[in-house]
Amino acid sequence: MELEKATAQDIVRIMEIINQAKAFLKSQGVDQWQTGYPATADIERDLQSGIGYVLKDGKAVIGYAGLDTRGEAAYDGLKGHWLNDEPYLVIHRMALDNTSRGKGLAQQAFQVCEEFARSKGLRNIRVDTDQDNHIMRHIIKKMGFQYCGTIWFDNSEKIAFQKVL
């Protein structure tokens, strides 16, 4: 799996993947991403900000992630404690194609994100998800992230995690 900067030509495919993820979350009874977010405008903002990346298997786009080295304002209001106050990479809006489910590709995607963080000189990664997104919580914990507390984002409380590389 490789990481490449997303382009405007990738937006249709990115939204296909995100819409698949929305449908999967809904089928699992998870409220996350059921209010329209993330929408095409969110992905366009990611691209304009330079934080939109596609995950590729060969030439095929199989995933998307917003990888932001600038921090996340919502994380300033954490109810809990971060592991440290050093600069960090935020992983936002990660989604993988439905055909990848159950193949361990989410773990590979997180590993690629770790490599990206290291390439930027960062030793910390932060991520958040909904309380009821048990699948993502399992993957996050399996990848060595530690629970740090809760934040408010996208009009709901999220649980926040950090990993020190």
N, C-alpha and C. Protein backbone atom coordinates (compact mmCIF):
# COMPACT_ATOMS: atom_id res chain seq x y z
N MET A 1 0.85 -1.17 0.00
CA MET A 1 0.00 0.00 0.00
C MET A 1 0.90 1.23 0.00
N GLU A 2 0.55 2.16 -0.87
CA GLU A 2 1.32 3.40 -0.96
C GLU A 2 0.41 4.59 -0.72
N LEU A 3 1.02 5.66 -0.28
CA LEU A 3 0.32 6.90 0.01
C LEU A 3 0.72 7.93 -1.03
N GLU A 4 -0.28 8.59 -1.63
CA GLU A 4 -0.02 9.65 -2.60
C GLU A 4 -0.93 10.82 -2.30
N LYS A 5 -0.43 12.01 -2.58
CA LYS A 5 -1.25 13.21 -2.43
C LYS A 5 -2.45 13.07 -3.36
N ALA A 6 -3.64 13.32 -2.84
CA ALA A 6 -4.87 13.23 -3.64
C ALA A 6 -4.95 14.44 -4.58
N THR A 7 -5.60 14.22 -5.72
CA THR A 7 -5.82 15.30 -6.68
C THR A 7 -7.32 15.45 -6.92
N ALA A 8 -7.69 16.51 -7.62
CA ALA A 8 -9.10 16.74 -7.93
C ALA A 8 -9.68 15.57 -8.72
N GLN A 9 -8.86 14.90 -9.53
CA GLN A 9 -9.33 13.75 -10.30
C GLN A 9 -9.70 12.55 -9.41
N ASP A 10 -9.21 12.56 -8.16
CA ASP A 10 -9.49 11.45 -7.23
C ASP A 10 -10.79 11.65 -6.45
N ILE A 11 -11.38 12.83 -6.51
CA ILE A 11 -12.51 13.15 -5.62
C ILE A 11 -13.69 12.20 -5.80
N VAL A 12 -14.04 11.87 -7.03
CA VAL A 12 -15.18 10.96 -7.26
C VAL A 12 -14.90 9.61 -6.59
N ARG A 13 -13.71 9.07 -6.78
CA ARG A 13 -13.36 7.78 -6.18
C ARG A 13 -13.31 7.89 -4.65
N ILE A 14 -12.76 8.97 -4.14
CA ILE A 14 -12.71 9.17 -2.69
C ILE A 14 -14.12 9.17 -2.12
N MET A 15 -15.04 9.87 -2.76
CA MET A 15 -16.41 9.93 -2.26
C MET A 15 -17.10 8.57 -2.37
N GLU A 16 -16.79 7.79 -3.39
CA GLU A 16 -17.32 6.42 -3.46
C GLU A 16 -16.91 5.64 -2.22
N ILE A 17 -15.63 5.74 -1.87
CA ILE A 17 -15.11 5.00 -0.72
C ILE A 17 -15.75 5.52 0.57
N ILE A 18 -15.85 6.83 0.71
CA ILE A 18 -16.46 7.40 1.92
C ILE A 18 -17.93 7.02 2.01
N ASN A 19 -18.64 7.03 0.90
CA ASN A 19 -20.05 6.63 0.93
C ASN A 19 -20.22 5.15 1.26
N GLN A 20 -19.29 4.32 0.81
CA GLN A 20 -19.30 2.91 1.21
C GLN A 20 -19.13 2.81 2.73
N ALA A 21 -18.19 3.59 3.26
CA ALA A 21 -17.93 3.57 4.70
C ALA A 21 -19.14 4.06 5.48
N LYS A 22 -19.81 5.09 4.99
CA LYS A 22 -21.02 5.59 5.64
C LYS A 22 -22.08 4.49 5.69
N ALA A 23 -22.27 3.80 4.58
CA ALA A 23 -23.28 2.73 4.52
C ALA A 23 -22.90 1.59 5.47
N PHE A 24 -21.61 1.26 5.52
CA PHE A 24 -21.17 0.19 6.41
C PHE A 24 -21.40 0.58 7.87
N LEU A 25 -21.04 1.81 8.23
CA LEU A 25 -21.25 2.27 9.60
C LEU A 25 -22.73 2.21 9.96
N LYS A 26 -23.59 2.66 9.05
CA LYS A 26 -25.03 2.62 9.29
C LYS A 26 -25.50 1.18 9.50
N SER A 27 -24.99 0.25 8.68
CA SER A 27 -25.40 -1.16 8.81
C SER A 27 -24.96 -1.76 10.14
N GLN A 28 -23.93 -1.17 10.75
CA GLN A 28 -23.43 -1.65 12.04
C GLN A 28 -24.08 -0.91 13.22
N GLY A 29 -25.02 0.01 12.91
CA GLY A 29 -25.68 0.76 13.95
C GLY A 29 -24.84 1.89 14.53
N VAL A 30 -23.82 2.32 13.77
CA VAL A 30 -22.92 3.38 14.22
C VAL A 30 -23.43 4.71 13.65
N ASP A 31 -23.58 5.70 14.52
CA ASP A 31 -24.08 7.01 14.11
C ASP A 31 -23.05 7.86 13.37
N GLN A 32 -21.78 7.50 13.51
CA GLN A 32 -20.71 8.30 12.91
C GLN A 32 -20.92 8.42 11.39
N TRP A 33 -20.69 9.62 10.88
CA TRP A 33 -20.76 9.95 9.45
C TRP A 33 -22.18 9.79 8.89
N GLN A 34 -23.20 9.92 9.70
CA GLN A 34 -24.57 9.76 9.23
C GLN A 34 -25.30 11.10 9.05
N THR A 35 -24.58 12.21 9.18
CA THR A 35 -25.20 13.53 9.07
C THR A 35 -24.74 14.30 7.84
N GLY A 36 -24.13 13.62 6.90
CA GLY A 36 -23.64 14.29 5.69
C GLY A 36 -22.14 14.48 5.68
N TYR A 37 -21.53 14.51 6.85
CA TYR A 37 -20.07 14.63 6.96
C TYR A 37 -19.45 13.25 6.87
N PRO A 38 -18.33 13.09 6.22
CA PRO A 38 -17.66 14.07 5.35
C PRO A 38 -18.33 14.13 3.98
N ALA A 39 -18.43 15.34 3.48
CA ALA A 39 -19.04 15.60 2.17
C ALA A 39 -17.93 15.97 1.18
N THR A 40 -18.33 16.08 -0.07
CA THR A 40 -17.37 16.45 -1.12
C THR A 40 -16.65 17.74 -0.75
N ALA A 41 -17.36 18.70 -0.18
CA ALA A 41 -16.74 19.98 0.19
C ALA A 41 -15.63 19.78 1.23
N ASP A 42 -15.79 18.81 2.13
CA ASP A 42 -14.75 18.52 3.13
C ASP A 42 -13.49 17.98 2.45
N ILE A 43 -13.69 17.11 1.47
CA ILE A 43 -12.55 16.54 0.75
C ILE A 43 -11.88 17.62 -0.10
N GLU A 44 -12.68 18.46 -0.73
CA GLU A 44 -12.11 19.56 -1.51
C GLU A 44 -11.27 20.47 -0.63
N ARG A 45 -11.75 20.74 0.60
CA ARG A 45 -10.97 21.56 1.54
C ARG A 45 -9.66 20.86 1.91
N ASP A 46 -9.73 19.53 2.11
CA ASP A 46 -8.51 18.77 2.39
C ASP A 46 -7.49 18.97 1.27
N LEU A 47 -7.95 18.85 0.03
CA LEU A 47 -7.05 18.99 -1.11
C LEU A 47 -6.48 20.40 -1.19
N GLN A 48 -7.33 21.39 -0.97
CA GLN A 48 -6.86 22.79 -1.01
C GLN A 48 -5.85 23.06 0.10
N SER A 49 -6.03 22.40 1.25
CA SER A 49 -5.11 22.57 2.38
C SER A 49 -3.87 21.70 2.25
N GLY A 50 -3.86 20.79 1.28
CA GLY A 50 -2.71 19.92 1.09
C GLY A 50 -2.64 18.74 2.03
N ILE A 51 -3.78 18.38 2.65
CA ILE A 51 -3.76 17.28 3.62
C ILE A 51 -4.48 16.02 3.12
N GLY A 52 -5.01 16.03 1.89
CA GLY A 52 -5.74 14.88 1.36
C GLY A 52 -4.80 13.89 0.70
N TYR A 53 -4.91 12.63 1.11
CA TYR A 53 -4.06 11.57 0.57
C TYR A 53 -4.90 10.35 0.20
N VAL A 54 -4.53 9.72 -0.90
CA VAL A 54 -5.14 8.46 -1.28
C VAL A 54 -4.19 7.33 -0.93
N LEU A 55 -4.79 6.21 -0.58
CA LEU A 55 -4.05 4.98 -0.34
C LEU A 55 -4.24 4.14 -1.59
N LYS A 56 -3.12 3.66 -2.13
CA LYS A 56 -3.19 2.95 -3.40
C LYS A 56 -2.60 1.55 -3.28
N ASP A 57 -3.22 0.64 -4.01
CA ASP A 57 -2.71 -0.71 -4.20
C ASP A 57 -2.40 -0.79 -5.69
N GLY A 58 -1.13 -0.63 -6.03
CA GLY A 58 -0.78 -0.48 -7.44
C GLY A 58 -1.32 0.85 -7.92
N LYS A 59 -2.12 0.81 -8.99
CA LYS A 59 -2.72 2.04 -9.51
C LYS A 59 -4.11 2.30 -8.95
N ALA A 60 -4.67 1.32 -8.25
CA ALA A 60 -6.04 1.43 -7.74
C ALA A 60 -6.09 2.20 -6.43
N VAL A 61 -6.98 3.19 -6.36
CA VAL A 61 -7.24 3.93 -5.12
C VAL A 61 -8.15 3.06 -4.26
N ILE A 62 -7.63 2.67 -3.09
CA ILE A 62 -8.40 1.79 -2.20
C ILE A 62 -8.74 2.46 -0.87
N GLY A 63 -8.27 3.70 -0.69
CA GLY A 63 -8.56 4.37 0.56
C GLY A 63 -8.25 5.85 0.53
N TYR A 64 -8.63 6.50 1.60
CA TYR A 64 -8.42 7.94 1.73
C TYR A 64 -8.14 8.27 3.19
N ALA A 65 -7.33 9.31 3.40
CA ALA A 65 -7.11 9.85 4.73
C ALA A 65 -6.71 11.31 4.63
N GLY A 66 -7.21 12.10 5.56
CA GLY A 66 -6.73 13.46 5.74
C GLY A 66 -5.61 13.41 6.77
N LEU A 67 -4.40 13.76 6.35
CA LEU A 67 -3.23 13.68 7.23
C LEU A 67 -2.72 15.10 7.48
N ASP A 68 -2.98 15.58 8.68
CA ASP A 68 -2.73 16.99 8.99
C ASP A 68 -1.62 17.12 10.03
N THR A 69 -0.56 17.81 9.66
CA THR A 69 0.56 18.03 10.58
C THR A 69 0.42 19.35 11.34
N ARG A 70 -0.67 20.07 11.09
CA ARG A 70 -0.86 21.39 11.70
C ARG A 70 -1.58 21.31 13.04
N GLY A 71 -2.00 20.11 13.44
CA GLY A 71 -2.75 19.97 14.68
C GLY A 71 -4.25 20.02 14.42
N GLU A 72 -5.01 19.96 15.49
CA GLU A 72 -6.47 19.97 15.42
C GLU A 72 -7.00 20.80 16.57
N ALA A 73 -7.70 21.89 16.25
CA ALA A 73 -8.21 22.80 17.28
C ALA A 73 -9.12 22.08 18.28
N ALA A 74 -9.91 21.13 17.81
CA ALA A 74 -10.81 20.41 18.72
C ALA A 74 -10.04 19.66 19.80
N TYR A 75 -8.79 19.30 19.51
CA TYR A 75 -7.99 18.56 20.48
C TYR A 75 -7.52 19.44 21.64
N ASP A 76 -7.60 20.76 21.46
CA ASP A 76 -7.23 21.67 22.55
C ASP A 76 -8.22 21.57 23.70
N GLY A 77 -9.44 21.13 23.41
CA GLY A 77 -10.47 21.01 24.44
C GLY A 77 -10.62 19.60 24.99
N LEU A 78 -9.57 18.80 24.89
CA LEU A 78 -9.64 17.41 25.36
C LEU A 78 -10.04 17.36 26.84
N LYS A 79 -11.03 16.52 27.11
CA LYS A 79 -11.37 16.19 28.50
C LYS A 79 -10.60 14.92 28.80
N GLY A 80 -9.44 15.08 29.39
CA GLY A 80 -8.53 13.98 29.64
C GLY A 80 -7.11 14.53 29.56
N HIS A 81 -6.17 13.66 29.18
CA HIS A 81 -4.76 14.07 29.12
C HIS A 81 -4.08 13.42 27.92
N TRP A 82 -3.46 14.26 27.09
CA TRP A 82 -2.62 13.73 26.01
C TRP A 82 -1.36 13.14 26.62
N LEU A 83 -0.72 12.25 25.91
CA LEU A 83 0.50 11.60 26.40
C LEU A 83 1.66 12.57 26.49
N ASN A 84 1.65 13.60 25.63
CA ASN A 84 2.67 14.65 25.67
C ASN A 84 2.13 15.84 24.88
N ASP A 85 2.89 16.91 24.87
CA ASP A 85 2.48 18.12 24.16
C ASP A 85 3.33 18.37 22.92
N GLU A 86 3.99 17.35 22.41
CA GLU A 86 4.84 17.48 21.23
C GLU A 86 3.98 17.57 19.97
N PRO A 87 4.56 18.10 18.87
CA PRO A 87 3.82 18.13 17.59
C PRO A 87 3.35 16.73 17.19
N TYR A 88 2.26 16.69 16.43
CA TYR A 88 1.65 15.41 16.10
C TYR A 88 1.01 15.45 14.72
N LEU A 89 0.78 14.27 14.18
CA LEU A 89 0.00 14.08 12.97
C LEU A 89 -1.41 13.72 13.39
N VAL A 90 -2.40 14.32 12.75
CA VAL A 90 -3.80 13.95 12.97
C VAL A 90 -4.25 13.14 11.76
N ILE A 91 -4.90 12.02 12.02
CA ILE A 91 -5.52 11.24 10.95
C ILE A 91 -7.01 11.53 10.99
N HIS A 92 -7.51 12.11 9.90
CA HIS A 92 -8.94 12.41 9.79
C HIS A 92 -9.53 11.66 8.59
N ARG A 93 -10.81 11.35 8.67
CA ARG A 93 -11.59 10.87 7.53
C ARG A 93 -10.97 9.65 6.84
N MET A 94 -10.39 8.74 7.61
CA MET A 94 -9.82 7.54 7.00
C MET A 94 -10.94 6.59 6.59
N ALA A 95 -10.88 6.13 5.36
CA ALA A 95 -11.86 5.16 4.86
C ALA A 95 -11.17 4.27 3.83
N LEU A 96 -11.58 3.01 3.82
CA LEU A 96 -11.05 2.03 2.87
C LEU A 96 -12.18 1.43 2.06
N ASP A 97 -11.86 1.05 0.85
CA ASP A 97 -12.84 0.43 -0.04
C ASP A 97 -13.42 -0.82 0.61
N ASN A 98 -14.71 -1.06 0.38
CA ASN A 98 -15.38 -2.24 0.94
C ASN A 98 -14.67 -3.54 0.62
N THR A 99 -14.07 -3.63 -0.55
CA THR A 99 -13.41 -4.89 -0.93
C THR A 99 -12.20 -5.19 -0.07
N SER A 100 -11.72 -4.20 0.69
CA SER A 100 -10.55 -4.41 1.54
C SER A 100 -10.91 -4.91 2.93
N ARG A 101 -12.18 -4.87 3.27
CA ARG A 101 -12.61 -5.22 4.62
C ARG A 101 -12.23 -6.67 4.95
N GLY A 102 -11.65 -6.83 6.15
CA GLY A 102 -11.29 -8.16 6.64
C GLY A 102 -9.96 -8.68 6.12
N LYS A 103 -9.20 -7.85 5.43
CA LYS A 103 -7.91 -8.28 4.87
C LYS A 103 -6.72 -7.68 5.59
N GLY A 104 -6.96 -6.98 6.69
CA GLY A 104 -5.87 -6.37 7.44
C GLY A 104 -5.34 -5.09 6.83
N LEU A 105 -6.07 -4.54 5.85
CA LEU A 105 -5.58 -3.34 5.19
C LEU A 105 -5.70 -2.09 6.07
N ALA A 106 -6.61 -2.08 7.02
CA ALA A 106 -6.70 -0.93 7.92
C ALA A 106 -5.41 -0.82 8.73
N GLN A 107 -4.90 -1.94 9.17
CA GLN A 107 -3.63 -1.93 9.90
C GLN A 107 -2.49 -1.44 9.01
N GLN A 108 -2.48 -1.89 7.76
CA GLN A 108 -1.47 -1.41 6.82
C GLN A 108 -1.62 0.09 6.59
N ALA A 109 -2.85 0.57 6.51
CA ALA A 109 -3.08 2.00 6.32
C ALA A 109 -2.51 2.79 7.49
N PHE A 110 -2.73 2.32 8.71
CA PHE A 110 -2.16 2.99 9.88
C PHE A 110 -0.63 2.96 9.85
N GLN A 111 -0.07 1.84 9.40
CA GLN A 111 1.39 1.76 9.30
C GLN A 111 1.94 2.76 8.29
N VAL A 112 1.24 2.92 7.16
CA VAL A 112 1.64 3.91 6.16
C VAL A 112 1.56 5.31 6.76
N CYS A 113 0.54 5.56 7.56
CA CYS A 113 0.40 6.87 8.22
C CYS A 113 1.54 7.10 9.21
N GLU A 114 1.95 6.05 9.90
CA GLU A 114 3.09 6.16 10.81
C GLU A 114 4.36 6.52 10.04
N GLU A 115 4.57 5.86 8.91
CA GLU A 115 5.74 6.17 8.08
C GLU A 115 5.68 7.63 7.62
N PHE A 116 4.49 8.10 7.25
CA PHE A 116 4.31 9.48 6.84
C PHE A 116 4.70 10.43 7.98
N ALA A 117 4.22 10.14 9.19
CA ALA A 117 4.53 10.98 10.35
C ALA A 117 6.05 11.05 10.56
N ARG A 118 6.69 9.90 10.53
CA ARG A 118 8.15 9.86 10.71
C ARG A 118 8.86 10.68 9.63
N SER A 119 8.35 10.59 8.40
CA SER A 119 8.99 11.33 7.29
C SER A 119 8.87 12.84 7.49
N LYS A 120 7.90 13.26 8.28
CA LYS A 120 7.70 14.68 8.59
C LYS A 120 8.38 15.07 9.90
N GLY A 121 9.12 14.13 10.50
CA GLY A 121 9.81 14.40 11.75
C GLY A 121 8.92 14.38 12.98
N LEU A 122 7.76 13.77 12.86
CA LEU A 122 6.80 13.71 13.98
C LEU A 122 6.89 12.36 14.68
N ARG A 123 6.79 12.41 16.01
CA ARG A 123 6.85 11.19 16.81
C ARG A 123 5.50 10.85 17.45
N ASN A 124 4.46 11.59 17.08
CA ASN A 124 3.15 11.40 17.70
C ASN A 124 2.05 11.42 16.65
N ILE A 125 1.06 10.56 16.87
CA ILE A 125 -0.13 10.55 16.02
C ILE A 125 -1.35 10.58 16.93
N ARG A 126 -2.31 11.41 16.56
CA ARG A 126 -3.58 11.47 17.29
C ARG A 126 -4.72 11.16 16.32
N VAL A 127 -5.75 10.52 16.84
CA VAL A 127 -6.91 10.14 16.05
C VAL A 127 -8.12 10.09 16.98
N ASP A 128 -9.30 10.28 16.41
CA ASP A 128 -10.52 10.18 17.22
C ASP A 128 -11.57 9.41 16.44
N THR A 129 -12.54 8.89 17.16
CA THR A 129 -13.66 8.17 16.55
C THR A 129 -14.85 8.22 17.49
N ASP A 130 -15.98 7.79 17.02
CA ASP A 130 -17.18 7.76 17.85
C ASP A 130 -17.10 6.61 18.86
N GLN A 131 -17.77 6.82 19.98
CA GLN A 131 -17.81 5.80 21.04
C GLN A 131 -18.35 4.47 20.51
N ASP A 132 -19.36 4.53 19.64
CA ASP A 132 -19.99 3.29 19.18
C ASP A 132 -19.32 2.66 17.96
N ASN A 133 -18.22 3.24 17.49
CA ASN A 133 -17.51 2.65 16.35
C ASN A 133 -16.50 1.63 16.88
N HIS A 134 -17.03 0.48 17.28
CA HIS A 134 -16.22 -0.55 17.93
C HIS A 134 -15.15 -1.13 17.02
N ILE A 135 -15.43 -1.21 15.74
CA ILE A 135 -14.44 -1.76 14.81
C ILE A 135 -13.23 -0.85 14.74
N MET A 136 -13.44 0.45 14.56
CA MET A 136 -12.31 1.38 14.50
C MET A 136 -11.60 1.44 15.84
N ARG A 137 -12.33 1.44 16.93
CA ARG A 137 -11.69 1.45 18.25
C ARG A 137 -10.79 0.24 18.41
N HIS A 138 -11.25 -0.91 17.95
CA HIS A 138 -10.44 -2.14 18.04
C HIS A 138 -9.15 -1.99 17.23
N ILE A 139 -9.27 -1.48 16.02
CA ILE A 139 -8.08 -1.31 15.17
C ILE A 139 -7.11 -0.31 15.79
N ILE A 140 -7.65 0.82 16.26
CA ILE A 140 -6.81 1.85 16.87
C ILE A 140 -6.03 1.27 18.05
N LYS A 141 -6.71 0.54 18.92
CA LYS A 141 -6.03 -0.04 20.08
C LYS A 141 -5.03 -1.11 19.65
N LYS A 142 -5.40 -1.91 18.65
CA LYS A 142 -4.51 -2.96 18.14
C LYS A 142 -3.22 -2.35 17.58
N MET A 143 -3.33 -1.14 17.04
CA MET A 143 -2.16 -0.47 16.46
C MET A 143 -1.32 0.26 17.51
N GLY A 144 -1.68 0.13 18.78
CA GLY A 144 -0.86 0.67 19.86
C GLY A 144 -1.21 2.07 20.33
N PHE A 145 -2.36 2.57 19.90
CA PHE A 145 -2.81 3.88 20.37
C PHE A 145 -3.36 3.73 21.79
N GLN A 146 -3.22 4.80 22.58
CA GLN A 146 -3.73 4.81 23.94
C GLN A 146 -4.88 5.81 24.06
N TYR A 147 -5.90 5.40 24.78
CA TYR A 147 -7.04 6.29 25.04
C TYR A 147 -6.56 7.48 25.87
N CYS A 148 -6.97 8.68 25.47
CA CYS A 148 -6.55 9.90 26.17
C CYS A 148 -7.71 10.71 26.73
N GLY A 149 -8.93 10.50 26.24
CA GLY A 149 -10.08 11.26 26.72
C GLY A 149 -11.09 11.50 25.62
N THR A 150 -11.89 12.54 25.79
CA THR A 150 -12.93 12.84 24.81
C THR A 150 -12.79 14.28 24.30
N ILE A 151 -13.26 14.48 23.08
CA ILE A 151 -13.29 15.80 22.46
C ILE A 151 -14.68 16.02 21.86
N TRP A 152 -14.95 17.24 21.45
CA TRP A 152 -16.19 17.57 20.76
C TRP A 152 -15.83 17.91 19.32
N PHE A 153 -16.39 17.17 18.35
CA PHE A 153 -16.09 17.39 16.93
C PHE A 153 -17.29 16.94 16.11
N ASP A 154 -17.59 17.65 15.04
CA ASP A 154 -18.71 17.31 14.16
C ASP A 154 -20.01 17.12 14.96
N ASN A 155 -20.25 18.04 15.89
CA ASN A 155 -21.47 18.06 16.70
C ASN A 155 -21.70 16.83 17.56
N SER A 156 -20.62 16.15 17.94
CA SER A 156 -20.77 15.02 18.85
C SER A 156 -19.47 14.77 19.60
N GLU A 157 -19.61 14.03 20.69
CA GLU A 157 -18.45 13.67 21.49
C GLU A 157 -17.71 12.52 20.80
N LYS A 158 -16.39 12.64 20.73
CA LYS A 158 -15.53 11.61 20.13
C LYS A 158 -14.54 11.15 21.20
N ILE A 159 -14.09 9.92 21.07
CA ILE A 159 -13.04 9.45 21.95
C ILE A 159 -11.72 9.62 21.20
N ALA A 160 -10.72 10.10 21.94
CA ALA A 160 -9.45 10.49 21.34
C ALA A 160 -8.32 9.58 21.81
N PHE A 161 -7.41 9.30 20.88
CA PHE A 161 -6.29 8.40 21.14
C PHE A 161 -5.00 9.04 20.65
N GLN A 162 -3.89 8.59 21.21
CA GLN A 162 -2.58 9.05 20.78
C GLN A 162 -1.62 7.87 20.78
N LYS A 163 -0.68 7.92 19.86
CA LYS A 163 0.39 6.94 19.80
C LYS A 163 1.71 7.69 19.70
N VAL A 164 2.65 7.30 20.54
CA VAL A 164 3.99 7.84 20.46
C VAL A 164 4.83 6.83 19.66
N LEU A 165 5.44 7.32 18.61
CA LEU A 165 6.22 6.44 17.72
C LEU A 165 7.64 6.24 18.26
